[in-house]
N, C-alpha and C. Protein backbone atom coordinates (compact mmCIF):
# COMPACT_ATOMS: atom_id res chain seq x y z
N UNK A 1 166.49 120.41 94.33
CA UNK A 1 165.67 121.48 94.78
C UNK A 1 164.53 121.61 93.61
N UNK A 2 163.35 121.73 94.11
CA UNK A 2 162.06 121.78 93.39
C UNK A 2 162.01 123.10 92.68
N UNK A 3 161.55 123.18 91.49
CA UNK A 3 161.22 124.49 90.93
C UNK A 3 159.72 124.69 90.81
N UNK A 4 159.30 125.84 91.05
CA UNK A 4 157.92 126.15 90.78
C UNK A 4 157.48 126.31 89.29
N UNK A 5 156.38 125.71 89.02
CA UNK A 5 155.91 125.62 87.68
C UNK A 5 155.00 126.77 87.42
N UNK A 6 155.01 127.70 86.53
CA UNK A 6 154.01 128.68 86.32
C UNK A 6 153.04 128.20 85.30
N UNK A 7 151.82 128.30 85.78
CA UNK A 7 150.59 127.95 85.11
C UNK A 7 150.07 129.23 84.42
N UNK A 8 149.69 129.01 83.18
CA UNK A 8 148.98 130.19 82.58
C UNK A 8 147.72 130.48 83.30
N UNK A 9 147.33 131.82 83.32
CA UNK A 9 145.99 132.16 83.88
C UNK A 9 145.06 132.31 82.82
N UNK A 10 143.98 131.68 82.97
CA UNK A 10 142.87 131.75 81.89
C UNK A 10 141.77 132.67 82.36
N UNK A 11 141.21 133.32 81.37
CA UNK A 11 140.13 134.18 81.77
C UNK A 11 138.87 133.76 80.95
N UNK A 12 137.99 133.23 81.78
CA UNK A 12 136.72 132.77 81.22
C UNK A 12 135.62 133.76 81.67
N UNK A 13 134.74 134.10 80.84
CA UNK A 13 133.52 134.89 81.30
C UNK A 13 132.59 134.19 82.07
N UNK A 14 132.23 134.50 83.37
CA UNK A 14 131.25 133.96 84.06
C UNK A 14 129.99 134.60 83.96
N UNK A 15 129.10 133.73 83.63
CA UNK A 15 127.59 134.20 83.51
C UNK A 15 126.78 133.56 84.59
N UNK A 16 126.28 134.33 85.49
CA UNK A 16 125.36 133.73 86.46
C UNK A 16 124.13 133.21 85.85
N UNK A 17 123.76 132.07 86.20
CA UNK A 17 122.66 131.33 85.76
C UNK A 17 121.86 130.86 87.01
N UNK A 18 120.56 131.03 86.99
CA UNK A 18 119.81 130.40 87.88
C UNK A 18 119.73 128.86 87.92
N UNK A 19 119.76 128.38 89.11
CA UNK A 19 119.58 126.81 89.15
C UNK A 19 118.39 126.37 88.46
N UNK A 20 118.43 125.52 87.55
CA UNK A 20 117.23 125.25 86.76
C UNK A 20 116.06 124.60 87.53
N UNK A 21 116.37 124.12 88.63
CA UNK A 21 115.31 123.45 89.40
C UNK A 21 114.93 124.23 90.60
N UNK A 22 113.67 124.45 90.77
CA UNK A 22 113.13 125.19 91.79
C UNK A 22 113.44 124.53 93.18
N UNK A 23 114.17 125.25 94.10
CA UNK A 23 114.55 124.67 95.34
C UNK A 23 114.18 125.50 96.41
N UNK A 24 113.66 124.91 97.56
CA UNK A 24 113.30 125.57 98.74
C UNK A 24 113.77 124.69 100.03
N UNK A 25 114.10 125.42 101.01
CA UNK A 25 114.66 124.81 102.15
C UNK A 25 113.93 125.29 103.37
N UNK A 26 113.84 124.51 104.51
CA UNK A 26 113.30 124.98 105.84
C UNK A 26 114.07 124.27 106.82
N UNK A 27 114.08 124.87 108.03
CA UNK A 27 114.70 124.19 109.12
C UNK A 27 113.78 124.51 110.33
N UNK A 28 113.79 123.40 111.21
CA UNK A 28 112.84 123.47 112.40
C UNK A 28 113.27 122.44 113.36
N UNK A 29 112.43 122.37 114.52
CA UNK A 29 112.60 121.43 115.47
C UNK A 29 111.52 120.41 115.38
N UNK A 30 111.81 119.15 115.26
CA UNK A 30 110.88 118.06 115.15
C UNK A 30 111.18 117.15 116.49
N UNK A 31 110.25 116.99 117.34
CA UNK A 31 110.33 116.16 118.51
C UNK A 31 111.63 116.72 119.30
N UNK A 32 111.98 117.80 119.30
CA UNK A 32 113.09 118.37 119.92
C UNK A 32 114.54 118.23 119.26
N UNK A 33 114.39 117.62 118.02
CA UNK A 33 115.65 117.41 117.17
C UNK A 33 115.63 118.55 116.03
N UNK A 34 116.82 119.15 115.90
CA UNK A 34 116.91 120.07 114.79
C UNK A 34 116.85 119.30 113.38
N UNK A 35 116.00 119.73 112.48
CA UNK A 35 115.67 118.96 111.29
C UNK A 35 115.64 120.03 110.14
N UNK A 36 116.35 119.51 109.08
CA UNK A 36 116.34 120.33 107.83
C UNK A 36 115.62 119.58 106.73
N UNK A 37 114.94 120.47 106.01
CA UNK A 37 114.09 119.94 104.79
C UNK A 37 114.48 120.70 103.63
N UNK A 38 114.60 119.96 102.62
CA UNK A 38 114.81 120.57 101.23
C UNK A 38 113.90 119.96 100.14
N UNK A 39 113.32 120.73 99.42
CA UNK A 39 112.48 120.37 98.30
C UNK A 39 113.04 120.78 96.95
N UNK A 40 113.38 119.99 96.05
CA UNK A 40 113.89 120.32 94.81
C UNK A 40 113.00 119.85 93.64
N UNK A 41 112.44 120.60 92.82
CA UNK A 41 111.48 120.25 91.88
C UNK A 41 112.09 120.25 90.49
N UNK A 42 112.51 119.09 90.16
CA UNK A 42 113.18 118.80 88.73
C UNK A 42 112.03 118.62 87.80
N UNK A 43 112.39 118.55 86.52
CA UNK A 43 111.35 118.43 85.40
C UNK A 43 110.61 116.99 85.52
N UNK A 44 111.31 116.05 85.91
CA UNK A 44 110.71 114.69 85.94
C UNK A 44 110.42 114.20 87.43
N UNK A 45 110.99 114.79 88.40
CA UNK A 45 110.89 114.23 89.82
C UNK A 45 110.75 115.43 90.74
N UNK A 46 110.25 115.21 91.89
CA UNK A 46 110.27 116.04 93.06
C UNK A 46 111.06 115.42 94.15
N UNK A 47 112.17 115.99 94.63
CA UNK A 47 113.04 115.44 95.54
C UNK A 47 112.74 116.13 96.96
N UNK A 48 112.62 115.33 97.90
CA UNK A 48 112.27 115.87 99.23
C UNK A 48 113.39 115.18 100.21
N UNK A 49 114.11 116.00 100.96
CA UNK A 49 115.07 115.40 101.79
C UNK A 49 114.76 115.95 103.22
N UNK A 50 114.65 115.03 104.22
CA UNK A 50 114.52 115.37 105.59
C UNK A 50 115.64 114.82 106.39
N UNK A 51 116.40 115.78 106.94
CA UNK A 51 117.62 115.27 107.63
C UNK A 51 117.69 115.82 109.14
N UNK A 52 118.06 114.88 109.93
CA UNK A 52 118.27 115.05 111.32
C UNK A 52 119.73 114.54 111.72
N UNK A 53 120.50 115.32 112.37
CA UNK A 53 121.87 115.04 112.70
C UNK A 53 122.67 114.82 111.35
N UNK A 54 122.35 115.53 110.40
CA UNK A 54 123.15 115.33 109.08
C UNK A 54 122.95 114.15 108.45
N UNK A 55 121.98 113.32 108.70
CA UNK A 55 121.85 111.88 108.13
C UNK A 55 120.79 111.95 106.98
N UNK A 56 121.04 111.02 106.04
CA UNK A 56 120.06 110.79 105.00
C UNK A 56 120.29 109.24 104.74
N UNK A 57 119.45 108.43 105.35
CA UNK A 57 119.75 107.03 105.32
C UNK A 57 118.59 106.10 104.57
N UNK A 58 117.27 106.69 104.55
CA UNK A 58 116.30 105.84 104.02
C UNK A 58 115.64 106.59 102.90
N UNK A 59 115.49 106.01 101.67
CA UNK A 59 114.77 106.55 100.61
C UNK A 59 113.64 105.80 100.04
N UNK A 60 112.47 106.52 99.73
CA UNK A 60 111.37 105.84 99.05
C UNK A 60 110.78 106.78 97.96
N UNK A 61 110.16 106.18 97.18
CA UNK A 61 109.55 107.01 96.10
C UNK A 61 107.97 106.66 95.93
N UNK A 62 107.35 107.58 95.43
CA UNK A 62 105.85 107.53 95.30
C UNK A 62 105.56 108.12 93.94
N UNK A 63 105.16 107.21 92.93
CA UNK A 63 104.67 107.77 91.57
C UNK A 63 103.38 108.41 91.63
N UNK A 64 103.27 109.63 91.26
CA UNK A 64 101.98 110.37 91.19
C UNK A 64 101.25 109.98 89.95
N UNK A 65 101.87 109.33 88.99
CA UNK A 65 101.30 108.94 87.74
C UNK A 65 100.19 107.89 87.90
N UNK A 66 100.19 107.20 89.23
CA UNK A 66 99.26 106.29 89.36
C UNK A 66 97.79 106.91 89.58
N UNK A 67 97.83 108.25 90.05
CA UNK A 67 96.54 108.93 90.23
C UNK A 67 95.87 109.20 88.95
N UNK A 68 96.54 109.28 87.77
CA UNK A 68 95.87 109.39 86.47
C UNK A 68 95.17 108.18 86.17
N UNK A 69 95.59 106.93 86.62
CA UNK A 69 94.89 105.75 86.35
C UNK A 69 93.90 105.31 87.39
N UNK A 70 93.98 106.02 88.51
CA UNK A 70 92.94 105.56 89.62
C UNK A 70 91.51 105.95 89.46
N UNK A 71 90.78 105.11 89.84
CA UNK A 71 89.32 105.33 89.61
C UNK A 71 88.77 106.36 90.77
N UNK A 72 89.50 106.64 91.79
CA UNK A 72 89.08 107.56 92.79
C UNK A 72 89.59 109.01 92.39
N UNK A 73 88.79 109.88 92.80
CA UNK A 73 89.04 111.41 92.59
C UNK A 73 90.25 111.66 93.44
N UNK A 74 91.34 112.22 92.98
CA UNK A 74 92.59 112.57 93.86
C UNK A 74 92.30 113.58 94.85
N UNK A 75 91.21 114.44 94.56
CA UNK A 75 90.92 115.50 95.52
C UNK A 75 89.84 115.17 96.62
N UNK A 76 89.36 113.85 96.37
CA UNK A 76 88.36 113.43 97.57
C UNK A 76 89.17 113.08 98.65
N UNK A 77 88.61 113.29 99.80
CA UNK A 77 89.34 112.94 101.09
C UNK A 77 89.41 111.37 101.22
N UNK A 78 90.46 111.01 101.87
CA UNK A 78 90.69 109.59 102.06
C UNK A 78 89.62 108.97 102.82
N UNK A 79 89.45 107.71 102.59
CA UNK A 79 88.47 106.94 103.42
C UNK A 79 88.98 106.80 104.81
N UNK A 80 88.11 107.01 105.65
CA UNK A 80 88.37 106.90 107.23
C UNK A 80 88.67 105.55 107.62
N UNK A 81 89.52 105.39 108.62
CA UNK A 81 89.66 104.00 109.14
C UNK A 81 88.41 103.65 109.93
N UNK A 82 88.29 102.27 110.22
CA UNK A 82 87.15 101.85 110.76
C UNK A 82 86.86 102.35 112.29
N UNK A 83 87.96 102.90 113.00
CA UNK A 83 87.76 103.39 114.27
C UNK A 83 88.73 104.47 114.48
N UNK A 84 88.48 105.44 115.38
CA UNK A 84 89.32 106.52 115.82
C UNK A 84 89.51 106.37 117.36
N UNK A 85 90.59 105.62 117.70
CA UNK A 85 90.63 105.53 119.20
C UNK A 85 90.82 106.75 119.96
N UNK A 86 91.45 107.74 119.28
CA UNK A 86 91.81 109.00 120.03
C UNK A 86 90.62 110.06 119.83
N UNK A 87 89.56 109.71 119.14
CA UNK A 87 88.61 110.63 118.84
C UNK A 87 87.34 110.19 119.57
N UNK A 88 87.04 111.06 120.69
CA UNK A 88 85.83 110.72 121.48
C UNK A 88 84.62 110.96 120.77
N UNK A 89 84.48 111.80 119.82
CA UNK A 89 83.20 112.05 119.21
C UNK A 89 83.02 111.43 117.86
N UNK A 90 83.91 110.38 117.66
CA UNK A 90 83.75 109.78 116.38
C UNK A 90 82.51 108.81 116.41
N UNK A 91 81.63 108.76 115.52
CA UNK A 91 80.42 107.91 115.37
C UNK A 91 80.64 107.12 114.13
N UNK A 92 80.85 105.80 114.26
CA UNK A 92 80.91 104.97 113.01
C UNK A 92 79.77 104.94 112.11
N UNK A 93 78.55 105.34 112.63
CA UNK A 93 77.43 105.45 111.81
C UNK A 93 77.40 106.80 110.94
N UNK A 94 78.30 107.66 111.32
CA UNK A 94 78.30 108.93 110.67
C UNK A 94 79.91 109.25 110.35
N UNK A 95 80.40 108.36 109.45
CA UNK A 95 81.89 108.75 109.15
C UNK A 95 82.15 109.91 108.44
N UNK A 96 81.15 110.37 107.75
CA UNK A 96 81.40 111.59 106.92
C UNK A 96 81.54 112.80 107.73
N UNK A 97 81.14 112.76 108.86
CA UNK A 97 81.32 113.89 109.86
C UNK A 97 82.77 114.01 110.36
N UNK A 98 83.61 113.04 110.13
CA UNK A 98 84.98 113.05 110.72
C UNK A 98 85.92 113.64 109.74
N UNK A 99 86.82 114.51 110.11
CA UNK A 99 87.70 115.10 109.11
C UNK A 99 88.89 114.07 108.98
N UNK A 100 89.01 113.61 107.71
CA UNK A 100 90.04 112.68 107.33
C UNK A 100 91.06 113.28 106.33
N UNK A 101 91.04 114.61 106.33
CA UNK A 101 91.88 115.37 105.36
C UNK A 101 93.40 115.23 105.59
N UNK A 102 93.70 114.79 106.81
CA UNK A 102 95.10 114.62 106.99
C UNK A 102 95.76 113.21 106.76
N UNK A 103 94.81 112.34 106.25
CA UNK A 103 95.22 111.04 105.95
C UNK A 103 95.67 111.00 104.41
N UNK A 104 96.67 110.25 104.23
CA UNK A 104 97.30 110.15 102.89
C UNK A 104 96.17 109.55 101.82
N UNK A 105 96.40 109.94 100.61
CA UNK A 105 95.43 109.46 99.70
C UNK A 105 95.58 107.88 99.51
N UNK A 106 94.47 107.16 99.58
CA UNK A 106 94.65 105.69 99.64
C UNK A 106 95.29 105.03 98.35
N UNK A 107 95.18 105.67 97.23
CA UNK A 107 95.62 105.23 95.99
C UNK A 107 97.23 105.37 95.77
N UNK A 108 97.83 105.95 96.71
CA UNK A 108 99.23 106.21 96.65
C UNK A 108 100.05 105.22 97.48
N UNK A 109 101.10 104.63 96.94
CA UNK A 109 101.90 103.72 97.71
C UNK A 109 103.38 104.08 97.64
N UNK A 110 104.08 104.13 98.82
CA UNK A 110 105.47 104.41 98.80
C UNK A 110 106.20 103.15 98.65
N UNK A 111 107.27 103.07 97.91
CA UNK A 111 108.26 101.96 97.75
C UNK A 111 109.66 102.33 98.26
N UNK A 112 110.15 101.50 99.16
CA UNK A 112 111.55 101.80 99.61
C UNK A 112 112.51 101.65 98.41
N UNK A 113 113.53 102.54 98.22
CA UNK A 113 114.44 102.24 97.19
C UNK A 113 116.01 102.17 97.71
N UNK A 114 116.22 102.71 98.75
CA UNK A 114 117.62 102.68 99.39
C UNK A 114 117.53 102.77 100.88
N UNK A 115 118.53 102.17 101.67
CA UNK A 115 118.58 102.35 103.06
C UNK A 115 118.44 100.95 103.72
N UNK A 116 119.34 100.62 104.61
CA UNK A 116 119.20 99.38 105.30
C UNK A 116 118.57 99.65 106.57
N UNK A 117 118.06 98.56 107.11
CA UNK A 117 117.33 98.60 108.42
C UNK A 117 117.27 97.30 109.15
N UNK A 118 116.67 97.34 110.15
CA UNK A 118 116.62 96.04 110.88
C UNK A 118 115.09 95.67 110.99
N UNK A 119 114.75 94.52 110.95
CA UNK A 119 113.20 94.10 111.20
C UNK A 119 113.05 93.66 112.60
N UNK A 120 114.05 93.97 113.56
CA UNK A 120 113.95 93.55 114.83
C UNK A 120 113.03 94.43 115.68
N UNK A 121 112.53 95.44 115.07
CA UNK A 121 111.45 96.40 115.84
C UNK A 121 112.22 97.55 116.42
N UNK A 122 111.50 98.34 117.28
CA UNK A 122 112.19 99.42 117.85
C UNK A 122 112.58 100.55 116.77
N UNK A 123 113.48 101.35 117.25
CA UNK A 123 113.77 102.55 116.43
C UNK A 123 114.49 102.18 115.02
N UNK A 124 115.23 101.11 115.15
CA UNK A 124 115.93 100.79 113.77
C UNK A 124 114.83 99.97 112.94
N UNK A 125 113.75 99.40 113.45
CA UNK A 125 112.72 98.55 112.70
C UNK A 125 111.84 99.56 112.13
N UNK A 126 111.35 100.58 112.79
CA UNK A 126 110.27 101.35 112.25
C UNK A 126 110.77 102.53 111.27
N UNK A 127 112.05 102.75 111.05
CA UNK A 127 112.50 103.83 110.11
C UNK A 127 111.91 103.59 108.82
N UNK A 128 111.86 102.42 108.36
CA UNK A 128 111.27 102.05 107.03
C UNK A 128 109.79 102.57 106.86
N UNK A 129 109.05 102.17 107.94
CA UNK A 129 107.71 102.43 107.96
C UNK A 129 107.38 103.99 108.07
N UNK A 130 108.15 104.56 108.90
CA UNK A 130 108.07 106.15 109.00
C UNK A 130 108.29 106.85 107.83
N UNK A 131 109.45 106.37 107.15
CA UNK A 131 109.82 107.04 105.80
C UNK A 131 108.80 106.83 104.82
N UNK A 132 108.19 105.67 104.83
CA UNK A 132 107.11 105.32 103.71
C UNK A 132 105.88 106.14 104.24
N UNK A 133 105.57 106.28 105.36
CA UNK A 133 104.40 107.05 105.80
C UNK A 133 104.57 108.44 105.41
N UNK A 134 105.74 108.99 105.70
CA UNK A 134 105.97 110.45 105.45
C UNK A 134 105.94 110.67 103.90
N UNK A 135 106.69 109.73 103.17
CA UNK A 135 106.65 109.92 101.67
C UNK A 135 105.19 109.87 101.02
N UNK A 136 104.37 109.00 101.64
CA UNK A 136 102.97 108.93 101.06
C UNK A 136 102.21 110.22 101.45
N UNK A 137 102.41 110.75 102.64
CA UNK A 137 101.67 111.92 103.07
C UNK A 137 102.26 113.06 102.21
N UNK A 138 103.52 113.22 101.97
CA UNK A 138 104.09 114.34 101.31
C UNK A 138 103.56 114.21 99.86
N UNK A 139 103.56 113.04 99.25
CA UNK A 139 102.95 112.92 97.99
C UNK A 139 101.55 113.27 97.82
N UNK A 140 100.83 112.94 98.84
CA UNK A 140 99.35 113.27 99.01
C UNK A 140 99.14 114.76 99.04
N UNK A 141 99.93 115.49 99.78
CA UNK A 141 99.82 116.88 99.83
C UNK A 141 100.30 117.63 98.50
N UNK A 142 101.24 117.00 97.69
CA UNK A 142 101.49 117.47 96.38
C UNK A 142 100.44 117.23 95.46
N UNK A 143 99.81 115.92 95.54
CA UNK A 143 98.70 115.72 94.56
C UNK A 143 97.43 116.61 94.90
N UNK A 144 97.24 116.82 96.10
CA UNK A 144 96.02 117.70 96.43
C UNK A 144 96.15 119.02 96.06
N UNK A 145 97.36 119.58 96.05
CA UNK A 145 97.60 120.96 95.66
C UNK A 145 97.54 121.07 94.18
N UNK A 146 97.88 120.15 93.32
CA UNK A 146 98.07 120.18 91.96
C UNK A 146 97.56 118.82 91.40
N UNK A 147 96.31 118.68 91.10
CA UNK A 147 95.72 117.37 90.60
C UNK A 147 96.32 116.93 89.33
N UNK A 148 96.86 117.77 88.53
CA UNK A 148 97.50 117.48 87.37
C UNK A 148 99.05 116.98 87.43
N UNK A 149 99.47 117.00 88.72
CA UNK A 149 100.85 116.57 88.97
C UNK A 149 101.06 115.12 88.75
N UNK A 150 102.11 114.66 87.97
CA UNK A 150 102.47 113.30 87.67
C UNK A 150 103.77 112.87 87.88
N UNK A 151 104.59 113.75 88.44
CA UNK A 151 106.01 113.44 88.53
C UNK A 151 106.23 112.48 89.73
N UNK A 152 107.29 111.78 89.75
CA UNK A 152 107.68 110.87 90.85
C UNK A 152 108.27 111.77 91.98
N UNK A 153 107.80 111.35 93.17
CA UNK A 153 108.12 111.97 94.36
C UNK A 153 109.14 111.09 95.02
N UNK A 154 110.37 111.64 95.24
CA UNK A 154 111.35 110.74 95.92
C UNK A 154 111.66 111.40 97.23
N UNK A 155 111.56 110.75 98.30
CA UNK A 155 111.75 111.19 99.68
C UNK A 155 113.11 110.52 100.32
N UNK A 156 114.03 111.32 100.82
CA UNK A 156 115.11 110.86 101.50
C UNK A 156 115.06 111.20 102.93
N UNK A 157 115.15 110.38 103.81
CA UNK A 157 114.94 110.78 105.32
C UNK A 157 116.18 110.21 106.05
N UNK A 158 116.61 111.00 107.09
CA UNK A 158 117.58 110.58 107.88
C UNK A 158 117.18 110.80 109.33
N UNK A 159 116.56 109.94 110.01
CA UNK A 159 116.10 110.19 111.47
C UNK A 159 117.22 109.99 112.40
N UNK A 160 117.18 110.62 113.49
CA UNK A 160 118.09 110.50 114.60
C UNK A 160 117.77 109.24 115.53
N UNK A 161 118.06 108.13 114.97
CA UNK A 161 117.67 106.83 115.53
C UNK A 161 118.44 106.76 116.96
N UNK A 162 119.68 107.16 117.03
CA UNK A 162 120.26 107.03 118.36
C UNK A 162 119.63 107.92 119.39
N UNK A 163 119.23 108.97 119.09
CA UNK A 163 118.47 109.83 120.11
C UNK A 163 117.13 109.17 120.50
N UNK A 164 116.56 108.61 119.62
CA UNK A 164 115.10 108.00 119.81
C UNK A 164 115.43 106.82 120.80
N UNK A 165 116.55 106.05 120.61
CA UNK A 165 116.86 105.01 121.53
C UNK A 165 117.12 105.47 122.87
N UNK A 166 117.81 106.58 123.01
CA UNK A 166 118.17 107.12 124.32
C UNK A 166 117.08 107.89 125.13
N UNK A 167 116.30 108.57 124.32
CA UNK A 167 115.42 109.52 125.08
C UNK A 167 114.01 109.16 125.08
N UNK A 168 113.64 108.31 124.21
CA UNK A 168 112.22 108.05 124.00
C UNK A 168 112.00 106.42 124.12
N UNK A 169 110.83 105.98 123.92
CA UNK A 169 110.43 104.65 123.96
C UNK A 169 110.96 103.76 122.74
N UNK A 170 111.84 104.42 121.93
CA UNK A 170 112.37 103.79 120.78
C UNK A 170 111.76 104.19 119.52
N UNK A 171 110.56 104.93 119.56
CA UNK A 171 109.87 105.45 118.42
C UNK A 171 110.78 106.54 117.77
N UNK A 172 110.80 106.44 116.59
CA UNK A 172 111.64 107.54 115.77
C UNK A 172 110.98 108.74 115.67
N UNK A 173 109.62 108.74 115.40
CA UNK A 173 108.87 109.88 115.17
C UNK A 173 107.52 109.70 115.79
N UNK A 174 107.13 110.59 116.74
CA UNK A 174 105.77 110.54 117.38
C UNK A 174 104.80 111.30 116.51
N UNK A 175 103.50 111.31 117.04
CA UNK A 175 102.48 111.89 116.27
C UNK A 175 102.68 113.45 116.13
N UNK A 176 103.17 114.17 117.10
CA UNK A 176 103.44 115.55 117.00
C UNK A 176 104.65 115.69 115.93
N UNK A 177 105.55 114.94 116.04
CA UNK A 177 106.77 115.08 115.27
C UNK A 177 106.45 114.80 113.80
N UNK A 178 105.57 113.90 113.52
CA UNK A 178 105.00 113.61 112.18
C UNK A 178 104.36 114.94 111.64
N UNK A 179 103.50 115.40 112.39
CA UNK A 179 102.79 116.71 112.14
C UNK A 179 103.87 117.85 111.77
N UNK A 180 104.88 118.01 112.48
CA UNK A 180 105.97 118.96 112.40
C UNK A 180 106.70 118.78 111.08
N UNK A 181 107.11 117.49 110.90
CA UNK A 181 107.83 117.12 109.60
C UNK A 181 106.90 117.60 108.36
N UNK A 182 105.73 117.11 108.36
CA UNK A 182 104.77 117.44 107.20
C UNK A 182 104.66 118.89 107.10
N UNK A 183 104.55 119.55 108.14
CA UNK A 183 104.51 121.08 108.17
C UNK A 183 105.71 121.72 107.50
N UNK A 184 106.80 121.22 107.88
CA UNK A 184 108.11 121.80 107.25
C UNK A 184 108.09 121.59 105.72
N UNK A 185 107.80 120.31 105.38
CA UNK A 185 107.89 119.94 104.05
C UNK A 185 106.75 120.68 103.17
N UNK A 186 105.59 120.84 103.70
CA UNK A 186 104.51 121.53 103.06
C UNK A 186 104.99 123.11 102.84
N UNK A 187 105.62 123.56 103.87
CA UNK A 187 106.02 124.99 103.80
C UNK A 187 107.14 125.18 102.57
N UNK A 188 107.76 124.09 102.11
CA UNK A 188 108.64 124.19 100.99
C UNK A 188 108.04 123.85 99.77
N UNK A 189 106.81 123.49 99.60
CA UNK A 189 106.19 123.23 98.40
C UNK A 189 105.72 124.47 97.69
């Protein structure tokens, strides 16, 4: 027969402390998929997670310290691409009239750090590209808000790839979805 062992009860004073890193969250629908965003601002890094269907599968980072060494002004708008296929009033002779403020800063580069994928194309193949594009755009938004910011931006994303294969042409994130994700993240900054 087993005997119950009495454990002494300890009394420790509990002092509520605020989490030392500023944290904000947002939830919304992106391309019809429930999406959760969290931004945690640590002393040396800014962590952004974008999760669909509870996933976090691909990670990239963008060093903002490169802006300090860049010859371009980080607050200057990005250089426009040579053509705007969707823009009927774009005149290549007057590129300054086109609003390129939504483009990421050209001196920022996202580097993948974690996450497997396929190079076979389709939904599994473009998750790396989408994550890198979102990471660069998020880092651009952070750098534009605070030109002195030099922390490393780390972005983790978990796209609902299975849904994209079922319901769409295989594209993980469309144009509208991209803008919705960026809006959720910017709302947390």
